[in-house]
PDB file of N, CA and C in Angstrom:
ATOM      1  N   MET A   1      -9.370 -51.380  40.859  1.00  0.00           N
ATOM      2  CA  MET A   1      -8.754 -50.103  41.419  1.00  0.00           C
ATOM      3  C   MET A   1      -9.793 -49.572  42.329  1.00  0.00           C
ATOM      4  N   SER A   2      -9.367 -49.170  43.407  1.00  0.00           N
ATOM      5  CA  SER A   2     -10.201 -48.530  44.350  1.00  0.00           C
ATOM      6  C   SER A   2      -9.937 -47.031  44.649  1.00  0.00           C
ATOM      7  N   PHE A   3     -10.959 -46.236  44.885  1.00  0.00           N
ATOM      8  CA  PHE A   3     -10.806 -44.861  45.080  1.00  0.00           C
ATOM      9  C   PHE A   3     -10.933 -44.632  46.586  1.00  0.00           C
ATOM     10  N   PRO A   4     -10.091 -43.724  47.035  1.00  0.00           N
ATOM     11  CA  PRO A   4     -10.207 -43.393  48.469  1.00  0.00           C
ATOM     12  C   PRO A   4     -11.597 -42.866  48.651  1.00  0.00           C
ATOM     13  N   VAL A   5     -12.079 -43.096  49.911  1.00  0.00           N
ATOM     14  CA  VAL A   5     -13.478 -42.520  50.282  1.00  0.00           C
ATOM     15  C   VAL A   5     -13.204 -41.188  51.070  1.00  0.00           C
ATOM     16  N   LEU A   6     -13.761 -40.146  50.444  1.00  0.00           N
ATOM     17  CA  LEU A   6     -13.736 -38.807  51.065  1.00  0.00           C
ATOM     18  C   LEU A   6     -14.848 -38.539  52.105  1.00  0.00           C
ATOM     19  N   SER A   7     -14.394 -37.810  52.991  1.00  0.00           N
ATOM     20  CA  SER A   7     -15.352 -37.313  54.067  1.00  0.00           C
ATOM     21  C   SER A   7     -16.190 -36.301  53.421  1.00  0.00           C
ATOM     22  N   PRO A   8     -17.251 -35.934  53.868  1.00  0.00           N
ATOM     23  CA  PRO A   8     -18.124 -34.970  53.332  1.00  0.00           C
ATOM     24  C   PRO A   8     -17.328 -33.543  53.313  1.00  0.00           C
ATOM     25  N   ARG A   9     -16.646 -33.322  54.267  1.00  0.00           N
ATOM     26  CA  ARG A   9     -15.894 -32.084  54.329  1.00  0.00           C
ATOM     27  C   ARG A   9     -14.754 -32.025  53.109  1.00  0.00           C
ATOM     28  N   GLU A  10     -14.092 -33.134  52.849  1.00  0.00           N
ATOM     29  CA  GLU A  10     -13.193 -33.180  51.792  1.00  0.00           C
ATOM     30  C   GLU A  10     -13.783 -33.198  50.375  1.00  0.00           C
ATOM     31  N   GLU A  11     -15.031 -33.831  50.386  1.00  0.00           N
ATOM     32  CA  GLU A  11     -15.685 -33.731  49.096  1.00  0.00           C
ATOM     33  C   GLU A  11     -16.190 -32.248  48.672  1.00  0.00           C
ATOM     34  N   THR A  12     -16.577 -31.561  49.688  1.00  0.00           N
ATOM     35  CA  THR A  12     -17.043 -30.255  49.625  1.00  0.00           C
ATOM     36  C   THR A  12     -15.873 -29.403  49.197  1.00  0.00           C
ATOM     37  N   MET A  13     -14.735 -29.618  49.839  1.00  0.00           N
ATOM     38  CA  MET A  13     -13.454 -28.799  49.420  1.00  0.00           C
ATOM     39  C   MET A  13     -13.100 -29.028  47.907  1.00  0.00           C
ATOM     40  N   ASN A  14     -13.143 -30.438  47.610  1.00  0.00           N
ATOM     41  CA  ASN A  14     -12.772 -30.797  46.164  1.00  0.00           C
ATOM     42  C   ASN A  14     -13.866 -30.146  45.181  1.00  0.00           C
ATOM     43  N   ASN A  15     -15.060 -30.112  45.538  1.00  0.00           N
ATOM     44  CA  ASN A  15     -16.169 -29.496  44.599  1.00  0.00           C
ATOM     45  C   ASN A  15     -15.912 -28.015  44.603  1.00  0.00           C
ATOM     46  N   ALA A  16     -15.522 -27.372  45.719  1.00  0.00           N
ATOM     47  CA  ALA A  16     -15.323 -25.863  45.727  1.00  0.00           C
ATOM     48  C   ALA A  16     -14.053 -25.555  44.859  1.00  0.00           C
ATOM     49  N   GLU A  17     -13.134 -26.473  44.955  1.00  0.00           N
ATOM     50  CA  GLU A  17     -11.886 -26.327  44.023  1.00  0.00           C
ATOM     51  C   GLU A  17     -12.234 -26.374  42.596  1.00  0.00           C
ATOM     52  N   GLN A  18     -13.041 -27.330  42.231  1.00  0.00           N
ATOM     53  CA  GLN A  18     -13.420 -27.552  40.990  1.00  0.00           C
ATOM     54  C   GLN A  18     -14.216 -26.473  40.326  1.00  0.00           C
ATOM     55  N   VAL A  19     -15.313 -25.956  41.249  1.00  0.00           N
ATOM     56  CA  VAL A  19     -16.028 -24.925  40.755  1.00  0.00           C
ATOM     57  C   VAL A  19     -15.303 -23.650  40.625  1.00  0.00           C
ATOM     58  N   ALA A  20     -14.253 -23.298  41.396  1.00  0.00           N
ATOM     59  CA  ALA A  20     -13.255 -22.255  41.271  1.00  0.00           C
ATOM     60  C   ALA A  20     -12.434 -22.360  40.159  1.00  0.00           C
ATOM     61  N   TYR A  21     -11.957 -23.484  39.786  1.00  0.00           N
ATOM     62  CA  TYR A  21     -11.278 -23.778  38.666  1.00  0.00           C
ATOM     63  C   TYR A  21     -11.959 -23.607  37.280  1.00  0.00           C
ATOM     64  N   GLU A  22     -13.282 -24.137  37.350  1.00  0.00           N
ATOM     65  CA  GLU A  22     -14.224 -23.892  36.082  1.00  0.00           C
ATOM     66  C   GLU A  22     -14.333 -22.356  35.977  1.00  0.00           C
ATOM     67  N   ALA A  23     -14.760 -21.617  37.080  1.00  0.00           N
ATOM     68  CA  ALA A  23     -14.888 -20.219  37.003  1.00  0.00           C
ATOM     69  C   ALA A  23     -13.745 -19.484  36.412  1.00  0.00           C
ATOM     70  N   GLY A  24     -12.557 -19.957  36.867  1.00  0.00           N
ATOM     71  CA  GLY A  24     -11.377 -19.414  36.424  1.00  0.00           C
ATOM     72  C   GLY A  24     -11.152 -19.498  34.868  1.00  0.00           C
ATOM     73  N   GLN A  25     -11.560 -20.735  34.507  1.00  0.00           N
ATOM     74  CA  GLN A  25     -11.407 -21.013  33.114  1.00  0.00           C
ATOM     75  C   GLN A  25     -12.340 -20.253  32.218  1.00  0.00           C
ATOM     76  N   ARG A  26     -13.573 -20.198  32.714  1.00  0.00           N
ATOM     77  CA  ARG A  26     -14.582 -19.348  31.985  1.00  0.00           C
ATOM     78  C   ARG A  26     -14.049 -17.989  31.963  1.00  0.00           C
ATOM     79  N   ASP A  27     -13.521 -17.325  33.015  1.00  0.00           N
ATOM     80  CA  ASP A  27     -13.026 -16.037  32.971  1.00  0.00           C
ATOM     81  C   ASP A  27     -11.924 -15.958  31.962  1.00  0.00           C
ATOM     82  N   ALA A  28     -11.041 -16.840  32.018  1.00  0.00           N
ATOM     83  CA  ALA A  28      -9.975 -16.675  30.974  1.00  0.00           C
ATOM     84  C   ALA A  28     -10.428 -16.776  29.542  1.00  0.00           C
ATOM     85  N   TRP A  29     -11.541 -17.673  29.333  1.00  0.00           N
ATOM     86  CA  TRP A  29     -12.068 -17.895  27.995  1.00  0.00           C
ATOM     87  C   TRP A  29     -12.863 -16.405  27.714  1.00  0.00           C
ATOM     88  N   SER A  30     -13.471 -15.797  28.644  1.00  0.00           N
ATOM     89  CA  SER A  30     -14.138 -14.540  28.408  1.00  0.00           C
ATOM     90  C   SER A  30     -13.154 -13.381  28.109  1.00  0.00           C
ATOM     91  N   LEU A  31     -12.132 -13.438  28.859  1.00  0.00           N
ATOM     92  CA  LEU A  31     -11.058 -12.523  28.650  1.00  0.00           C
ATOM     93  C   LEU A  31     -10.533 -12.571  27.205  1.00  0.00           C
ATOM     94  N   ALA A  32     -10.145 -13.841  26.792  1.00  0.00           N
ATOM     95  CA  ALA A  32      -9.548 -14.152  25.595  1.00  0.00           C
ATOM     96  C   ALA A  32     -10.583 -13.717  24.466  1.00  0.00           C
ATOM     97  N   LYS A  33     -11.851 -14.040  24.504  1.00  0.00           N
ATOM     98  CA  LYS A  33     -12.835 -13.677  23.608  1.00  0.00           C
ATOM     99  C   LYS A  33     -12.901 -12.098  23.406  1.00  0.00           C
ATOM    100  N   GLU A  34     -12.937 -11.622  24.570  1.00  0.00           N
ATOM    101  CA  GLU A  34     -12.977  -9.989  24.628  1.00  0.00           C
ATOM    102  C   GLU A  34     -11.737  -9.453  23.907  1.00  0.00           C
ATOM    103  N   ARG A  35     -10.658 -10.101  24.239  1.00  0.00           N
ATOM    104  CA  ARG A  35      -9.281  -9.553  23.691  1.00  0.00           C
ATOM    105  C   ARG A  35      -9.351  -9.723  22.060  1.00  0.00           C
ATOM    106  N   ASP A  36      -9.890 -10.950  21.692  1.00  0.00           N
ATOM    107  CA  ASP A  36     -10.047 -11.043  20.213  1.00  0.00           C
ATOM    108  C   ASP A  36     -10.856 -10.074  19.568  1.00  0.00           C
ATOM    109  N   VAL A  37     -12.109  -9.837  20.243  1.00  0.00           N
ATOM    110  CA  VAL A  37     -12.970  -8.846  19.681  1.00  0.00           C
ATOM    111  C   VAL A  37     -12.394  -7.479  19.528  1.00  0.00           C
ATOM    112  N   ASN A  38     -11.662  -7.061  20.689  1.00  0.00           N
ATOM    113  CA  ASN A  38     -10.985  -5.706  20.660  1.00  0.00           C
ATOM    114  C   ASN A  38      -9.872  -5.640  19.576  1.00  0.00           C
ATOM    115  N   LEU A  39      -9.215  -6.822  19.390  1.00  0.00           N
ATOM    116  CA  LEU A  39      -8.142  -6.762  18.345  1.00  0.00           C
ATOM    117  C   LEU A  39      -8.781  -6.687  17.014  1.00  0.00           C
ATOM    118  N   THR A  40      -9.895  -7.486  16.795  1.00  0.00           N
ATOM    119  CA  THR A  40     -10.572  -7.377  15.556  1.00  0.00           C
ATOM    120  C   THR A  40     -10.930  -5.949  15.132  1.00  0.00           C
ATOM    121  N   LYS A  41     -11.557  -5.243  16.297  1.00  0.00           N
ATOM    122  CA  LYS A  41     -12.114  -4.075  16.061  1.00  0.00           C
ATOM    123  C   LYS A  41     -10.869  -3.012  15.618  1.00  0.00           C
ATOM    124  N   ARG A  42      -9.703  -3.223  16.437  1.00  0.00           N
ATOM    125  CA  ARG A  42      -8.713  -2.281  16.252  1.00  0.00           C
ATOM    126  C   ARG A  42      -7.961  -2.574  14.996  1.00  0.00           C
ATOM    127  N   ILE A  43      -7.954  -3.770  14.493  1.00  0.00           N
ATOM    128  CA  ILE A  43      -7.336  -4.088  13.083  1.00  0.00           C
ATOM    129  C   ILE A  43      -8.360  -3.311  12.068  1.00  0.00           C
ATOM    130  N   ALA A  44      -9.745  -3.366  12.153  1.00  0.00           N
ATOM    131  CA  ALA A  44     -10.596  -2.743  11.337  1.00  0.00           C
ATOM    132  C   ALA A  44     -10.407  -1.306  11.378  1.00  0.00           C
ATOM    133  N   GLN A  45     -10.134  -0.645  12.494  1.00  0.00           N
ATOM    134  CA  GLN A  45      -9.911   0.781  12.582  1.00  0.00           C
ATOM    135  C   GLN A  45      -8.582   1.086  11.826  1.00  0.00           C
ATOM    136  N   LEU A  46      -7.582   0.320  11.925  1.00  0.00           N
ATOM    137  CA  LEU A  46      -6.291   0.572  11.423  1.00  0.00           C
ATOM    138  C   LEU A  46      -6.344   0.403   9.836  1.00  0.00           C
ATOM    139  N   GLU A  47      -7.122  -0.610   9.426  1.00  0.00           N
ATOM    140  CA  GLU A  47      -7.207  -0.671   7.934  1.00  0.00           C
ATOM    141  C   GLU A  47      -7.965   0.528   7.427  1.00  0.00           C
ATOM    142  N   LYS A  48      -9.007   0.949   8.024  1.00  0.00           N
ATOM    143  CA  LYS A  48      -9.817   2.267   7.526  1.00  0.00           C
ATOM    144  C   LYS A  48      -8.762   3.396   7.633  1.00  0.00           C
ATOM    145  N   HIS A  49      -7.920   3.425   8.507  1.00  0.00           N
ATOM    146  CA  HIS A  49      -7.057   4.633   8.543  1.00  0.00           C
ATOM    147  C   HIS A  49      -6.042   4.519   7.432  1.00  0.00           C
ATOM    148  N   ILE A  50      -5.460   3.413   7.152  1.00  0.00           N
ATOM    149  CA  ILE A  50      -4.572   3.239   6.119  1.00  0.00           C
ATOM    150  C   ILE A  50      -5.193   3.743   4.813  1.00  0.00           C
ATOM    151  N   GLU A  51      -6.372   3.143   4.616  1.00  0.00           N
ATOM    152  CA  GLU A  51      -7.234   3.554   3.479  1.00  0.00           C
ATOM    153  C   GLU A  51      -7.391   5.044   3.356  1.00  0.00           C
ATOM    154  N   SER A  52      -7.702   5.712   4.380  1.00  0.00           N
ATOM    155  CA  SER A  52      -7.907   7.177   4.343  1.00  0.00           C
ATOM    156  C   SER A  52      -6.473   7.923   4.134  1.00  0.00           C
ATOM    157  N   LEU A  53      -5.335   7.393   4.452  1.00  0.00           N
ATOM    158  CA  LEU A  53      -4.181   7.927   4.150  1.00  0.00           C
ATOM    159  C   LEU A  53      -3.788   7.927   2.639  1.00  0.00           C
ATOM    160  N   SER A  54      -4.138   6.755   2.007  1.00  0.00           N
ATOM    161  CA  SER A  54      -3.711   6.647   0.678  1.00  0.00           C
ATOM    162  C   SER A  54      -4.796   7.249  -0.387  1.00  0.00           C
ATOM    163  N   GLY A  55      -5.934   7.429   0.036  1.00  0.00           N
ATOM    164  CA  GLY A  55      -6.952   8.012  -0.771  1.00  0.00           C
ATOM    165  C   GLY A  55      -7.175   7.061  -1.950  1.00  0.00           C
ATOM    166  N   PRO A  56      -8.150   7.531  -2.834  1.00  0.00           N
ATOM    167  CA  PRO A  56      -8.506   6.596  -3.892  1.00  0.00           C
ATOM    168  C   PRO A  56      -7.330   6.322  -4.774  1.00  0.00           C
ATOM    169  N   THR A  57      -7.413   5.167  -5.349  1.00  0.00           N
ATOM    170  CA  THR A  57      -6.358   4.717  -6.314  1.00  0.00           C
ATOM    171  C   THR A  57      -6.227   5.599  -7.442  1.00  0.00           C
ATOM    172  N   PRO A  58      -5.156   5.991  -7.891  1.00  0.00           N
ATOM    173  CA  PRO A  58      -5.078   7.048  -8.935  1.00  0.00           C
ATOM    174  C   PRO A  58      -5.226   6.148 -10.386  1.00  0.00           C
ATOM    175  N   SER A  59      -5.794   6.963 -11.169  1.00  0.00           N
ATOM    176  CA  SER A  59      -6.004   6.238 -12.642  1.00  0.00           C
ATOM    177  C   SER A  59      -4.672   6.107 -13.331  1.00  0.00           C
ATOM    178  N   TRP A  60      -4.387   5.081 -13.995  1.00  0.00           N
ATOM    179  CA  TRP A  60      -3.127   5.056 -14.753  1.00  0.00           C
ATOM    180  C   TRP A  60      -3.238   5.669 -16.128  1.00  0.00           C
ATOM    181  N   GLU A  61      -4.471   6.149 -16.515  1.00  0.00           N
ATOM    182  CA  GLU A  61      -4.556   6.895 -17.735  1.00  0.00           C
ATOM    183  C   GLU A  61      -3.906   8.199 -17.710  1.00  0.00           C
ATOM    184  N   ASP A  62      -3.314   8.621 -18.854  1.00  0.00           N
ATOM    185  CA  ASP A  62      -2.727  10.005 -18.952  1.00  0.00           C
ATOM    186  C   ASP A  62      -3.964  11.005 -18.980  1.00  0.00           C
ATOM    187  N   ARG A  63      -3.736  12.143 -18.197  1.00  0.00           N
ATOM    188  CA  ARG A  63      -4.713  13.199 -18.309  1.00  0.00           C
ATOM    189  C   ARG A  63      -4.434  14.039 -19.564  1.00  0.00           C
ATOM    190  N   LYS A  64      -5.560  14.592 -20.124  1.00  0.00           N
ATOM    191  CA  LYS A  64      -5.378  15.501 -21.329  1.00  0.00           C
ATOM    192  C   LYS A  64      -5.151  16.833 -20.779  1.00  0.00           C
ATOM    193  N   ASP A  65      -4.212  17.524 -21.474  1.00  0.00           N
ATOM    194  CA  ASP A  65      -3.963  18.947 -21.092  1.00  0.00           C
ATOM    195  C   ASP A  65      -3.712  19.693 -22.458  1.00  0.00           C
ATOM    196  N   GLU A  66      -3.192  20.919 -22.340  1.00  0.00           N
ATOM    197  CA  GLU A  66      -3.044  21.807 -23.465  1.00  0.00           C
ATOM    198  C   GLU A  66      -2.043  21.272 -24.449  1.00  0.00           C
ATOM    199  N   TRP A  67      -1.120  20.354 -24.028  1.00  0.00           N
ATOM    200  CA  TRP A  67      -0.063  19.896 -24.922  1.00  0.00           C
ATOM    201  C   TRP A  67      -0.408  18.604 -25.525  1.00  0.00           C
ATOM    202  N   SER A  68      -1.401  18.012 -25.119  1.00  0.00           N
ATOM    203  CA  SER A  68      -1.758  16.619 -25.485  1.00  0.00           C
ATOM    204  C   SER A  68      -1.947  16.334 -27.062  1.00  0.00           C
ATOM    205  N   GLU A  69      -2.618  17.217 -27.615  1.00  0.00           N
ATOM    206  CA  GLU A  69      -2.829  17.147 -29.203  1.00  0.00           C
ATOM    207  C   GLU A  69      -1.530  17.355 -29.835  1.00  0.00           C
ATOM    208  N   SER A  70      -0.722  18.296 -29.322  1.00  0.00           N
ATOM    209  CA  SER A  70       0.676  18.572 -30.223  1.00  0.00           C
ATOM    210  C   SER A  70       1.503  17.398 -29.993  1.00  0.00           C
ATOM    211  N   ILE A  71       1.503  16.869 -28.712  1.00  0.00           N
ATOM    212  CA  ILE A  71       2.506  15.707 -28.535  1.00  0.00           C
ATOM    213  C   ILE A  71       1.919  14.467 -29.258  1.00  0.00           C
ATOM    214  N   ALA A  72       0.588  14.325 -29.520  1.00  0.00           N
ATOM    215  CA  ALA A  72       0.118  13.078 -30.327  1.00  0.00           C
ATOM    216  C   ALA A  72       0.487  13.365 -31.733  1.00  0.00           C
ATOM    217  N   ASP A  73       0.498  14.720 -32.204  1.00  0.00           N
ATOM    218  CA  ASP A  73       1.089  15.011 -33.617  1.00  0.00           C
ATOM    219  C   ASP A  73       2.457  14.784 -33.893  1.00  0.00           C
ATOM    220  N   ALA A  74       3.264  14.677 -32.815  1.00  0.00           N
ATOM    221  CA  ALA A  74       4.650  14.615 -32.975  1.00  0.00           C
ATOM    222  C   ALA A  74       5.040  13.048 -32.937  1.00  0.00           C
ATOM    223  N   PHE A  75       4.086  12.285 -32.768  1.00  0.00           N
ATOM    224  CA  PHE A  75       4.341  10.718 -32.738  1.00  0.00           C
ATOM    225  C   PHE A  75       4.897  10.387 -34.125  1.00  0.00           C
ATOM    226  N   PRO A  76       5.990   9.486 -33.955  1.00  0.00           N
ATOM    227  CA  PRO A  76       6.705   9.231 -35.263  1.00  0.00           C
ATOM    228  C   PRO A  76       5.865   8.661 -36.592  1.00  0.00           C
ATOM    229  N   THR A  77       4.872   7.996 -36.346  1.00  0.00           N
ATOM    230  CA  THR A  77       4.009   7.628 -37.456  1.00  0.00           C
ATOM    231  C   THR A  77       3.220   8.780 -38.100  1.00  0.00           C
ATOM    232  N   ARG A  78       3.162   9.826 -37.304  1.00  0.00           N
ATOM    233  CA  ARG A  78       2.430  11.175 -37.912  1.00  0.00           C
ATOM    234  C   ARG A  78       3.463  12.205 -38.338  1.00  0.00           C
ATOM    235  N   SER A  79       4.635  12.242 -37.582  1.00  0.00           N
ATOM    236  CA  SER A  79       5.550  13.242 -38.071  1.00  0.00           C
ATOM    237  C   SER A  79       6.843  12.770 -38.709  1.00  0.00           C
ATOM    238  N   GLY A  80       7.088  11.472 -38.838  1.00  0.00           N
ATOM    239  CA  GLY A  80       8.350  11.011 -39.523  1.00  0.00           C
ATOM    240  C   GLY A  80       9.492  11.030 -38.644  1.00  0.00           C
ATOM    241  N   SER A  81       9.323  11.448 -37.327  1.00  0.00           N
ATOM    242  CA  SER A  81      10.666  11.769 -36.591  1.00  0.00           C
ATOM    243  C   SER A  81      11.123  10.557 -35.842  1.00  0.00           C
ATOM    244  N   HIS A  82      11.444   9.531 -36.534  1.00  0.00           N
ATOM    245  CA  HIS A  82      11.827   8.309 -35.858  1.00  0.00           C
ATOM    246  C   HIS A  82      13.213   8.411 -35.117  1.00  0.00           C
ATOM    247  N   ASP A  83      14.103   9.119 -35.599  1.00  0.00           N
ATOM    248  CA  ASP A  83      15.358   9.342 -35.033  1.00  0.00           C
ATOM    249  C   ASP A  83      15.198   9.988 -33.687  1.00  0.00           C
ATOM    250  N   GLU A  84      14.429  10.961 -33.670  1.00  0.00           N
ATOM    251  CA  GLU A  84      14.031  11.770 -32.359  1.00  0.00           C
ATOM    252  C   GLU A  84      13.414  10.840 -31.421  1.00  0.00           C
ATOM    253  N   TRP A  85      12.545  10.011 -31.856  1.00  0.00           N
ATOM    254  CA  TRP A  85      11.788   9.120 -31.170  1.00  0.00           C
ATOM    255  C   TRP A  85      12.848   8.189 -30.239  1.00  0.00           C
ATOM    256  N   GLY A  86      13.729   7.766 -31.121  1.00  0.00           N
ATOM    257  CA  GLY A  86      14.713   6.857 -30.651  1.00  0.00           C
ATOM    258  C   GLY A  86      15.479   7.493 -29.364  1.00  0.00           C
ATOM    259  N   VAL A  87      15.937   8.781 -29.610  1.00  0.00           N
ATOM    260  CA  VAL A  87      16.640   9.445 -28.656  1.00  0.00           C
ATOM    261  C   VAL A  87      15.789   9.666 -27.391  1.00  0.00           C
ATOM    262  N   ALA A  88      14.541  10.137 -27.618  1.00  0.00           N
ATOM    263  CA  ALA A  88      13.602  10.158 -26.559  1.00  0.00           C
ATOM    264  C   ALA A  88      13.522   8.995 -25.587  1.00  0.00           C
ATOM    265  N   MET A  89      13.341   7.823 -26.368  1.00  0.00           N
ATOM    266  CA  MET A  89      13.243   6.593 -25.662  1.00  0.00           C
ATOM    267  C   MET A  89      14.418   6.268 -24.824  1.00  0.00           C
ATOM    268  N   GLN A  90      15.596   6.719 -25.303  1.00  0.00           N
ATOM    269  CA  GLN A  90      16.789   6.486 -24.618  1.00  0.00           C
ATOM    270  C   GLN A  90      17.062   7.385 -23.426  1.00  0.00           C
ATOM    271  N   MET A  91      16.544   8.683 -23.699  1.00  0.00           N
ATOM    272  CA  MET A  91      16.546   9.648 -22.530  1.00  0.00           C
ATOM    273  C   MET A  91      15.618   9.307 -21.438  1.00  0.00           C
ATOM    274  N   VAL A  92      14.361   8.835 -21.693  1.00  0.00           N
ATOM    275  CA  VAL A  92      13.436   8.516 -20.893  1.00  0.00           C
ATOM    276  C   VAL A  92      13.832   7.169 -19.998  1.00  0.00           C
ATOM    277  N   GLY A  93      14.226   6.224 -20.927  1.00  0.00           N
ATOM    278  CA  GLY A  93      14.597   4.929 -20.362  1.00  0.00           C
ATOM    279  C   GLY A  93      15.727   4.994 -19.331  1.00  0.00           C
ATOM    280  N   ASN A  94      16.632   5.947 -19.493  1.00  0.00           N
ATOM    281  CA  ASN A  94      17.752   6.058 -18.602  1.00  0.00           C
ATOM    282  C   ASN A  94      17.364   6.599 -17.288  1.00  0.00           C
ATOM    283  N   ARG A  95      16.022   7.108 -17.128  1.00  0.00           N
ATOM    284  CA  ARG A  95      15.560   7.692 -15.931  1.00  0.00           C
ATOM    285  C   ARG A  95      14.377   6.889 -15.327  1.00  0.00           C
ATOM    286  N   ARG A  96      14.612   6.608 -13.977  1.00  0.00           N
ATOM    287  CA  ARG A  96      13.641   5.668 -13.194  1.00  0.00           C
ATOM    288  C   ARG A  96      12.647   6.357 -12.369  1.00  0.00           C
ATOM    289  N   SER A  97      12.929   7.599 -12.007  1.00  0.00           N
ATOM    290  CA  SER A  97      11.927   8.319 -11.112  1.00  0.00           C
ATOM    291  C   SER A  97      11.285   9.431 -11.727  1.00  0.00           C
ATOM    292  N   LYS A  98      10.176   9.813 -11.377  1.00  0.00           N
ATOM    293  CA  LYS A  98       9.350  10.967 -11.796  1.00  0.00           C
ATOM    294  C   LYS A  98      10.228  12.182 -11.625  1.00  0.00           C
ATOM    295  N   THR A  99      11.002  12.427 -10.660  1.00  0.00           N
ATOM    296  CA  THR A  99      11.738  13.567 -10.452  1.00  0.00           C
ATOM    297  C   THR A  99      12.823  13.663 -11.599  1.00  0.00           C
ATOM    298  N   GLU A 100      13.411  12.559 -11.995  1.00  0.00           N
ATOM    299  CA  GLU A 100      14.438  12.771 -12.928  1.00  0.00           C
ATOM    300  C   GLU A 100      13.789  12.986 -14.465  1.00  0.00           C
ATOM    301  N   LEU A 101      12.560  12.393 -14.557  1.00  0.00           N
ATOM    302  CA  LEU A 101      11.687  12.774 -15.770  1.00  0.00           C
ATOM    303  C   LEU A 101      11.383  14.224 -15.849  1.00  0.00           C
ATOM    304  N   ILE A 102      11.063  14.755 -14.697  1.00  0.00           N
ATOM    305  CA  ILE A 102      10.792  16.188 -14.546  1.00  0.00           C
ATOM    306  C   ILE A 102      12.018  17.135 -14.948  1.00  0.00           C
ATOM    307  N   ALA A 103      13.174  16.551 -14.313  1.00  0.00           N
ATOM    308  CA  ALA A 103      14.436  17.207 -14.596  1.00  0.00           C
ATOM    309  C   ALA A 103      14.705  17.271 -16.106  1.00  0.00           C
ATOM    310  N   LEU A 104      14.392  16.092 -16.758  1.00  0.00           N
ATOM    311  CA  LEU A 104      14.836  16.001 -18.187  1.00  0.00           C
ATOM    312  C   LEU A 104      13.824  16.901 -18.914  1.00  0.00           C
ATOM    313  N   VAL A 105      12.594  16.986 -18.640  1.00  0.00           N
ATOM    314  CA  VAL A 105      11.644  17.916 -19.385  1.00  0.00           C
ATOM    315  C   VAL A 105      12.040  19.329 -19.054  1.00  0.00           C
ATOM    316  N   ASN A 106      12.433  19.662 -17.860  1.00  0.00           N
ATOM    317  CA  ASN A 106      12.893  21.085 -17.480  1.00  0.00           C
ATOM    318  C   ASN A 106      14.111  21.492 -18.292  1.00  0.00           C
ATOM    319  N   TRP A 107      14.989  20.474 -18.534  1.00  0.00           N
ATOM    320  CA  TRP A 107      16.281  20.759 -19.178  1.00  0.00           C
ATOM    321  C   TRP A 107      15.967  21.151 -20.712  1.00  0.00           C
ATOM    322  N   LEU A 108      14.967  20.263 -21.225  1.00  0.00           N
ATOM    323  CA  LEU A 108      14.634  20.432 -22.622  1.00  0.00           C
ATOM    324  C   LEU A 108      13.853  21.702 -22.822  1.00  0.00           C
ATOM    325  N   LEU A 109      13.121  22.212 -21.888  1.00  0.00           N
ATOM    326  CA  LEU A 109      12.451  23.356 -22.045  1.00  0.00           C
ATOM    327  C   LEU A 109      13.345  24.594 -21.922  1.00  0.00           C
ATOM    328  N   LEU A 110      14.482  24.421 -21.018  1.00  0.00           N
ATOM    329  CA  LEU A 110      15.514  25.489 -21.004  1.00  0.00           C
ATOM    330  C   LEU A 110      16.201  25.508 -22.216  1.00  0.00           C
ATOM    331  N   ARG A 111      16.450  24.455 -22.857  1.00  0.00           N
ATOM    332  CA  ARG A 111      17.261  24.312 -24.045  1.00  0.00           C
ATOM    333  C   ARG A 111      16.583  25.026 -25.218  1.00  0.00           C
ATOM    334  N   MET A 112      15.132  24.805 -25.255  1.00  0.00           N
ATOM    335  CA  MET A 112      14.212  25.507 -26.150  1.00  0.00           C
ATOM    336  C   MET A 112      14.348  26.937 -26.073  1.00  0.00           C
ATOM    337  N   ARG A 113      14.261  27.434 -24.750  1.00  0.00           N
ATOM    338  CA  ARG A 113      14.294  28.838 -24.494  1.00  0.00           C
ATOM    339  C   ARG A 113      15.547  29.464 -24.855  1.00  0.00           C
ATOM    340  N   ASP A 114      16.629  28.813 -24.550  1.00  0.00           N
ATOM    341  CA  ASP A 114      17.829  29.400 -24.953  1.00  0.00           C
ATOM    342  C   ASP A 114      18.297  29.211 -26.365  1.00  0.00           C
ATOM    343  N   GLY A 115      17.520  28.861 -27.190  1.00  0.00           N
ATOM    344  CA  GLY A 115      17.953  29.012 -28.565  1.00  0.00           C
ATOM    345  C   GLY A 115      17.872  27.713 -29.377  1.00  0.00           C
ATOM    346  N   GLY A 116      17.369  26.683 -28.924  1.00  0.00           N
ATOM    347  CA  GLY A 116      17.178  25.494 -29.771  1.00  0.00           C
ATOM    348  C   GLY A 116      17.825  24.214 -29.217  1.00  0.00           C
ATOM    349  N   LEU A 117      17.307  23.238 -29.753  1.00  0.00           N
ATOM    350  CA  LEU A 117      17.784  21.916 -29.317  1.00  0.00           C
ATOM    351  C   LEU A 117      18.451  21.215 -30.595  1.00  0.00           C
ATOM    352  N   ARG A 118      19.524  20.922 -30.497  1.00  0.00           N
ATOM    353  CA  ARG A 118      20.371  20.138 -31.437  1.00  0.00           C
ATOM    354  C   ARG A 118      20.945  18.830 -30.850  1.00  0.00           C
ATOM    355  N   LEU A 119      20.013  18.051 -30.371  1.00  0.00           N
ATOM    356  CA  LEU A 119      20.379  16.811 -29.641  1.00  0.00           C
ATOM    357  C   LEU A 119      21.033  15.775 -30.649  1.00  0.00           C
ATOM    358  N   LEU A 120      20.446  15.778 -31.871  1.00  0.00           N
ATOM    359  CA  LEU A 120      20.755  14.789 -32.872  1.00  0.00           C
ATOM    360  C   LEU A 120      22.087  15.242 -33.537  1.00  0.00           C
ATOM    361  N   ASP A 121      22.497  16.368 -33.587  1.00  0.00           N
ATOM    362  CA  ASP A 121      23.506  16.866 -34.416  1.00  0.00           C
ATOM    363  C   ASP A 121      24.866  16.411 -33.681  1.00  0.00           C
ATOM    364  N   LYS A 122      25.782  15.922 -34.349  1.00  0.00           N
ATOM    365  CA  LYS A 122      27.108  15.315 -33.745  1.00  0.00           C
ATOM    366  C   LYS A 122      28.098  16.373 -34.070  1.00  0.00           C
TER     367      LYS A 122
END
């Protein structure tokens, strides 16, 4: 196979095109690397922002309050109130959201205030 012989001018033009092509490729690689670095920084910023929005992970432990001891004393193994415990389990089990549980406790408090709870009486 024979290659065409290029004149010095044609060879210079080919070299110039090759240099320009390589420079363009380097520029494209530089831009891509710069874009990757910028994206990586932006992702890190967004992750930090998301963490700041959620705050620390809440503990799943119950907090003690002024009613904790009385509630513990009402546990069926201490109070013998197994029927009431069953009703309580049913009432809580039927509610899926904290809002509904709050509504349940509010209703119970209102019933207590208004003269008593007779949930188990038929």
